[in-house]
Amino acid sequence: MIYCFTSTGNSLHAARQIADALNTQVAPITREPVTCDSDIVGLVFPAFFWGAPTIVEGFARTLTITNPDAYVFAICVSGGSAPGAVNALRRYLRLDYAVELKHVNNYLSGYEVNNTADVHASAQQQLAQIMVDLQARNTKRGGYYTPLNRVIRRMMPGPASDAKFKVMGCTGCGICAKACPVENITVDGEPKFAHRCEHCIACVHACPVQAINFGKSAGKARYIHPDVPLAELIEFYQG
């Protein structure tokens, strides 16, 4: 079984390809504890501030793997530099294989989206090697999770960071609420945030009229993985 957290589809796209290669399934990472008896257990998730998203750390902390011989891996999808981020999960899981997958940078508050054919081709090439490794059940540690990782991770905006989202020109369509992977948004005329935000900014990317902004995101191109339509992202979490 592969468990995935995703906001714009990069992690989900990778998880689905890995699942096909390993003949297994992909399930969403949620805040509910999970018990798994599979012989292969994987987590695929984005890097947030040189670490794992809060929901992913919580999931790893409470995940019970009952098969003592399970092959356990983690893939951390990063748009920038996030050395060692994947190994944040070693505090909770015995990882046989852990690597970083470089992909499109979608953190609009600080960067422009580098959604180019070259970036996608490079990500696909890296993923091809990862799938070969996983099929062979190779071992790999990845970079070390260092004190610097912990310092940068503490800079990540917390669950109340949604109070700083700026909403202007909202049409009340409700797509942001459907796209939020943690059900943090309701729409009554415009988005209302429940302050349990994961700071994945899926809502910023998903809004069809760019009505939601955070930090320096205004005017920047939005991004959803070209092979994972928004409707599929919504279905992944809502079922």
Protein backbone atom coordinates (compact mmCIF):
# COMPACT_ATOMS: atom_id res chain seq x y z
CA MET A 1 0.00 0.00 0.00
CA ILE A 2 1.16 3.51 -0.81
CA TYR A 3 -0.06 6.48 1.21
CA CYS A 4 0.08 9.91 -0.39
CA PHE A 5 -0.38 13.55 0.55
CA THR A 6 -0.65 15.93 -2.39
CA SER A 7 -1.79 19.48 -3.13
CA THR A 8 -1.19 20.09 -6.84
CA GLY A 9 -0.76 16.49 -8.01
CA ASN A 10 3.03 16.07 -8.19
CA SER A 11 3.11 13.56 -5.33
CA LEU A 12 -0.04 11.79 -6.49
CA HIS A 13 1.29 11.42 -10.03
CA ALA A 14 4.49 9.84 -8.67
CA ALA A 15 2.59 7.63 -6.22
CA ARG A 16 0.31 6.29 -8.94
CA GLN A 17 3.22 5.34 -11.19
CA ILE A 18 5.00 3.64 -8.31
CA ALA A 19 1.80 1.81 -7.40
CA ASP A 20 1.46 0.52 -10.96
CA ALA A 21 5.07 -0.68 -10.93
CA LEU A 22 4.59 -2.47 -7.61
CA ASN A 23 1.07 -3.73 -8.36
CA THR A 24 -0.43 -2.00 -5.34
CA GLN A 25 -2.83 0.84 -4.50
CA VAL A 26 -2.67 4.48 -3.42
CA ALA A 27 -4.63 5.87 -0.49
CA PRO A 28 -4.74 9.44 0.85
CA ILE A 29 -2.83 10.40 3.98
CA THR A 30 -5.33 11.68 6.53
CA ARG A 31 -5.33 12.50 10.22
CA GLU A 32 -6.85 9.11 11.09
CA PRO A 33 -4.57 6.35 12.49
CA VAL A 34 -4.01 3.45 10.09
CA THR A 35 -3.01 -0.18 10.57
CA CYS A 36 -1.36 -1.81 7.54
CA ASP A 37 -0.36 -5.46 7.00
CA SER A 38 1.02 -5.07 3.45
CA ASP A 39 4.43 -6.43 2.51
CA ILE A 40 5.26 -3.11 0.81
CA VAL A 41 4.40 0.17 2.55
CA GLY A 42 5.25 3.53 1.01
CA LEU A 43 4.68 7.19 1.79
CA VAL A 44 4.84 9.82 -0.97
CA PHE A 45 4.57 13.46 0.05
CA PRO A 46 5.87 16.98 -0.70
CA ALA A 47 8.68 18.71 1.17
CA PHE A 48 7.53 21.63 3.31
CA PHE A 49 10.26 23.90 4.66
CA TRP A 50 12.95 21.18 4.57
CA GLY A 51 10.71 18.70 6.33
CA ALA A 52 7.50 16.73 6.00
CA PRO A 53 4.01 18.25 6.20
CA THR A 54 2.55 18.15 9.70
CA ILE A 55 -0.17 15.74 8.61
CA VAL A 56 2.44 13.37 7.15
CA GLU A 57 4.50 13.38 10.34
CA GLY A 58 1.34 12.69 12.34
CA PHE A 59 0.37 9.87 9.99
CA ALA A 60 3.83 8.28 10.23
CA ARG A 61 3.77 8.60 14.01
CA THR A 62 0.49 6.70 14.33
CA LEU A 63 0.91 4.27 11.40
CA THR A 64 1.00 0.67 12.64
CA ILE A 65 2.75 -1.77 10.29
CA THR A 66 1.91 -5.28 11.45
CA ASN A 67 4.04 -7.15 8.91
CA PRO A 68 7.54 -7.38 10.47
CA ASP A 69 9.08 -8.13 7.06
CA ALA A 70 7.45 -5.19 5.25
CA TYR A 71 9.59 -3.20 2.84
CA VAL A 72 9.04 0.43 3.85
CA PHE A 73 9.92 3.42 1.69
CA ALA A 74 9.38 7.17 1.56
CA ILE A 75 9.57 9.52 -1.42
CA CYS A 76 9.73 13.25 -0.72
CA VAL A 77 8.75 15.40 -3.72
CA SER A 78 10.57 18.74 -3.62
CA GLY A 79 10.44 21.74 -5.93
CA GLY A 80 13.47 23.38 -4.37
CA SER A 81 16.34 22.36 -2.14
CA ALA A 82 15.19 20.17 0.74
CA PRO A 83 18.16 17.96 1.66
CA GLY A 84 17.31 15.34 4.24
CA ALA A 85 13.61 16.22 4.39
CA VAL A 86 12.50 12.67 3.62
CA ASN A 87 14.33 11.38 6.68
CA ALA A 88 12.14 13.42 9.00
CA LEU A 89 10.05 10.24 9.07
CA ARG A 90 12.85 8.06 10.44
CA ARG A 91 11.83 9.26 13.89
CA TYR A 92 8.66 7.21 13.47
CA LEU A 93 9.30 4.54 10.83
CA ARG A 94 11.98 2.06 9.89
CA LEU A 95 12.69 3.11 6.32
CA ASP A 96 14.43 0.73 3.94
CA TYR A 97 14.47 3.28 1.12
CA ALA A 98 14.21 7.07 1.27
CA VAL A 99 14.88 9.55 -1.54
CA GLU A 100 14.00 13.06 -2.70
CA LEU A 101 12.29 13.50 -6.07
CA LYS A 102 12.91 16.91 -7.67
CA HIS A 103 9.82 18.31 -9.36
CA VAL A 104 7.99 21.54 -10.23
CA ASN A 105 8.28 24.20 -7.53
CA ASN A 106 4.74 25.26 -6.64
CA TYR A 107 5.28 27.36 -3.50
CA LEU A 108 3.88 30.60 -4.88
CA SER A 109 4.59 32.70 -1.81
CA GLY A 110 8.29 32.65 -2.56
CA TYR A 111 8.74 31.43 -6.12
CA GLU A 112 7.42 31.44 -9.65
CA VAL A 113 6.18 28.04 -10.84
CA ASN A 114 8.89 26.43 -12.99
CA ASN A 115 6.40 24.33 -14.96
CA THR A 116 8.59 23.41 -17.92
CA ALA A 117 8.97 20.34 -20.11
CA ASP A 118 12.57 19.97 -18.90
CA VAL A 119 11.52 19.85 -15.22
CA HIS A 120 8.85 17.24 -15.93
CA ALA A 121 11.26 15.17 -18.05
CA SER A 122 13.89 15.24 -15.30
CA ALA A 123 11.32 14.23 -12.69
CA GLN A 124 10.19 11.35 -14.86
CA GLN A 125 13.77 10.18 -15.34
CA GLN A 126 14.37 10.23 -11.58
CA LEU A 127 11.10 8.41 -10.99
CA ALA A 128 12.03 5.68 -13.47
CA GLN A 129 15.15 4.90 -11.43
CA ILE A 130 13.18 5.02 -8.18
CA MET A 131 10.73 2.46 -9.55
CA VAL A 132 13.61 0.15 -10.58
CA ASP A 133 15.04 0.43 -7.07
CA LEU A 134 11.69 -0.25 -5.41
CA GLN A 135 10.95 -3.26 -7.59
CA ALA A 136 14.35 -4.68 -6.60
CA ARG A 137 13.73 -3.72 -2.96
CA ASN A 138 17.00 -1.84 -2.83
CA THR A 139 18.00 0.12 0.25
CA LYS A 140 18.87 3.80 0.31
CA ARG A 141 19.10 6.23 3.16
CA GLY A 142 18.87 9.62 1.45
CA GLY A 143 20.26 12.78 3.03
CA TYR A 144 20.48 13.17 6.79
CA TYR A 145 17.80 15.13 8.66
CA THR A 146 20.00 17.67 10.44
CA PRO A 147 19.56 20.44 13.04
CA LEU A 148 19.34 22.86 10.09
CA ASN A 149 16.32 20.92 8.79
CA ARG A 150 14.66 21.31 12.19
CA VAL A 151 15.37 25.05 12.31
CA ILE A 152 13.96 25.68 8.81
CA ARG A 153 10.98 23.38 9.46
CA ARG A 154 10.04 25.50 12.49
CA MET A 155 9.68 28.50 10.16
CA MET A 156 6.76 26.88 8.35
CA PRO A 157 3.48 28.76 8.93
CA GLY A 158 1.23 26.88 11.34
CA PRO A 159 -2.44 25.82 11.27
CA ALA A 160 -3.66 29.40 11.75
CA SER A 161 -1.67 30.68 8.77
CA ASP A 162 -4.91 30.62 6.76
CA ALA A 163 -5.85 33.82 8.59
CA LYS A 164 -3.29 35.52 6.34
CA PHE A 165 -4.87 34.31 3.10
CA LYS A 166 -6.26 37.23 1.13
CA VAL A 167 -9.54 36.70 -0.72
CA MET A 168 -10.65 39.15 -3.40
CA GLY A 169 -12.98 38.61 -6.34
CA CYS A 170 -14.37 35.30 -5.09
CA THR A 171 -17.31 33.91 -7.12
CA GLY A 172 -18.41 31.48 -4.39
CA CYS A 173 -17.91 28.44 -6.64
CA GLY A 174 -16.65 26.24 -3.76
CA ILE A 175 -13.78 24.65 -5.68
CA CYS A 176 -11.27 25.70 -3.02
CA ALA A 177 -13.23 23.78 -0.37
CA LYS A 178 -13.36 20.66 -2.55
CA ALA A 179 -9.65 20.87 -3.36
CA CYS A 180 -8.51 21.30 0.25
CA PRO A 181 -7.04 17.93 1.32
CA VAL A 182 -7.81 18.50 5.01
CA GLU A 183 -11.34 19.95 4.77
CA ASN A 184 -10.18 23.27 6.21
CA ILE A 185 -12.49 25.41 4.03
CA THR A 186 -16.20 26.05 3.85
CA VAL A 187 -17.73 28.53 1.43
CA ASP A 188 -20.49 30.90 2.43
CA GLY A 189 -20.29 33.64 -0.16
CA GLU A 190 -16.52 33.35 0.07
CA PRO A 191 -14.03 30.94 1.74
CA LYS A 192 -14.09 30.56 5.50
CA PHE A 193 -10.98 28.96 6.99
CA ALA A 194 -11.09 26.69 10.06
CA HIS A 195 -7.48 27.29 11.17
CA ARG A 196 -6.36 23.68 10.82
CA CYS A 197 -4.41 24.53 7.67
CA GLU A 198 -1.54 22.36 6.42
CA HIS A 199 -0.19 25.31 4.40
CA CYS A 200 -0.17 23.24 1.21
CA ILE A 201 -1.82 26.19 -0.66
CA ALA A 202 -3.89 23.80 -2.77
CA CYS A 203 -6.72 26.34 -2.53
CA VAL A 204 -4.50 29.07 -4.00
CA HIS A 205 -3.67 26.90 -7.01
CA ALA A 206 -7.18 25.49 -7.48
CA CYS A 207 -9.19 28.72 -7.50
CA PRO A 208 -10.27 29.29 -11.12
CA VAL A 209 -10.28 33.09 -10.77
CA GLN A 210 -7.15 33.40 -8.57
CA ALA A 211 -9.25 34.94 -5.80
CA ILE A 212 -7.12 33.42 -3.00
CA ASN A 213 -3.59 34.63 -2.40
CA PHE A 214 -0.91 34.15 0.21
CA GLY A 215 2.27 36.16 0.59
CA LYS A 216 3.67 37.02 -2.83
CA SER A 217 1.41 34.75 -4.88
CA ALA A 218 -0.67 37.50 -6.54
CA GLY A 219 -0.31 37.58 -10.31
CA LYS A 220 1.74 34.39 -10.51
CA ALA A 221 0.77 31.44 -12.70
CA ARG A 222 -1.10 28.68 -10.87
CA TYR A 223 -0.25 25.02 -11.28
CA ILE A 224 -1.92 21.61 -11.29
CA HIS A 225 0.07 18.63 -12.57
CA PRO A 226 -0.84 18.24 -16.28
CA ASP A 227 -1.54 14.51 -15.89
CA VAL A 228 -3.65 14.88 -12.73
CA PRO A 229 -6.69 17.06 -13.50
CA LEU A 230 -8.19 19.02 -10.62
CA ALA A 231 -11.27 16.76 -10.69
CA GLU A 232 -9.01 13.76 -9.97
CA LEU A 233 -7.31 15.56 -7.10
CA ILE A 234 -10.70 16.31 -5.59
CA GLU A 235 -11.86 12.72 -6.08
CA PHE A 236 -8.67 11.38 -4.46
CA TYR A 237 -9.55 12.99 -1.15
CA GLN A 238 -13.32 13.00 -1.32
CA GLY A 239 -13.72 9.50 -2.81
